[in-house]
Amino acid sequence: MLAFLPALCLAGYWGGGEVLLVTIALGTPLIYAVTGGFGQPFHAHEMAKVPAPDLASVAQDFLEIAQHNGQTTACLKIEIHGLAELANRFGPSATNDARELIRSRLATTLRSGDHVFQTGDTCLTVLISPGFRLKLDTLLDVAKRLRTVAEPPLSVAGSSQYVSVYIGIASSLNFGRNVTADTWLRSASEALIEATETGSGATRVWSEKLSRKHHAKRNLQTGVAAAFEDGRIQAHFQPQVSVTTNDVTGMEVLARWDHPTQGMLAPSVFLNAIEDSQQMSRLGKTIRTQSIAALQAWDDMGYDVPTISLNLSGQELRDPNFAEHVQAELDRSMLLAHRLVFEVPERLFVNLKDDIVRRNLSALVALGCTLDIDGYGVGGSDIAMLQKIAVNRIKIDQSLIRGVDTSCERHRVFHAILDMCKRLEIQAVGTGVETVGEHGVLRELGCQVAQGFLFAEPASAVDMSLWLADQQQQNDLPANPGLRRVK
């Protein structure tokens, strides 16, 4: 019908002038619409029936458009830490409101073609529509803006609640033309995991190197149980010696994983895998059992090793039955309690407001065990903390020892810590000693005990037995016996 509209208008003009022309021009389309000429009428309430965009579909569309046009698109996975605490305190309704507020904040900084999806209770996914100028520095700026708008305090139930934001970025520039949406989204998740493990306010960009690191961690996690069952989690030992006499005053026990394909792994490589597997208590028990057996073997061999020092984890300290487990192990082995030293990381020692932590530390002291603060000088504890629990020694962090003979600043800091120890009548242990010059400063300033590669590298009980035999035959500083180093 509308195809004849020009002819009708012309005829109307000839027959009735301008008035009839306007009537026909406006009325004909209206009649056509009312009679259904344009199809079924669209009602506003039917808009709700239109399905929301699907994350996977939008991601695939963005990839295809970017590849076809030579453009770039990006996926940003965002983890909001603090929402879980909101749910515990104020319930799910308040948490949903907070999540929607954060989502709306993010949307204000994005372009109209970008999308924000909720992909978990604490996770949001942002897809950046294809463009020609989405280089790495641009994406990092986008991440910075998103964090800036997401992190201001949330008003919940009349109080201000704070959240922290972690972001993982995957740019299409890092993938070939055949990449799928699933691979792209999963890569952003890998970058997000790396960001959350790095620390507060971290942003990480996906790369092949990051992916290899991520998969290596996952492989370690899947191998944790087998490592314990196969006896591949082993105790290694590093001697602590008197700065003045060079006599052995004890052994620090360090966990190692003898991995079948990756070799001997240090804790910095595998501890996260064990923590994620909720196996830290099992690690502690395994290392204690092996260490007590080694100490008793050295007793039988006639080697004088007064104590062994064991690292405590947060999971162990928060176990209300931990002190009882230690008591049972002492009873079974018939080992005197004072020969067990427990090293508490300074970052955990400052958390003495936790009743379970405080009770465990007090119970260990009551058993006759002694406590060292490990990594002192970098964790934020103060003198008042040292007076709340009976601390035997402070182990000064190796970062303050390294170069203490050449750095005036480190020399002053080290000297100040030693003065504090003397006033509190607490022994000091210098860790990470690697040079004769560093050892000389420890001797000069009155540090009682030293530990580090200058004396011996961490080694198995068998290799350390050989070192002890050699140590008994000489009075001077031992030459490095060639014990293998774990990097």
Foldseek 3Di string as FASTA:
>chain_A
DVVCLVVLLVVLCVVPNPVSSVCSNPVVVVVCVVVQVVHDDDDPVCVVVDDDDDQQVVLQVQLVVCLVVVWKKKKKKKFKPQLVVCCVPPNDVLSVVLVVQLQVLLVVLADPPKDWADDDSGMIMIIHHTDHPPDPVNVVVSVVSSQVRNFFFDQTPNDTTGIFMFMFMEMCVQDDSPDHSVVRVVQSVLQRVVRVVVDTNGYGYGHPVSVVLSVVLVVLLVCVVVQVVVVQWAWWWFFKAWLVFRATAAIEIFIWGQDPPPGIAGCVNHVVSCVVVVCPVVSQVVSVVRVLVLVVVCVVVVFDHQAYEYEDDPVLLQPLCNLVVVVVVCVVSVDQLCRYEYEYELLVLQVCVPPSNVVSQQSSVVSVYAYEYPQPPPRDDDPVSCVSGPHAEYEHHQVLLVCCLPDPVSVVVVLVVVVVCVVVVHAYEYEADDDPSSSVSCVVSPRTMYTHVQQEAIAHSVVVSVSSVVPVVDRDRDHYPPGDHHD
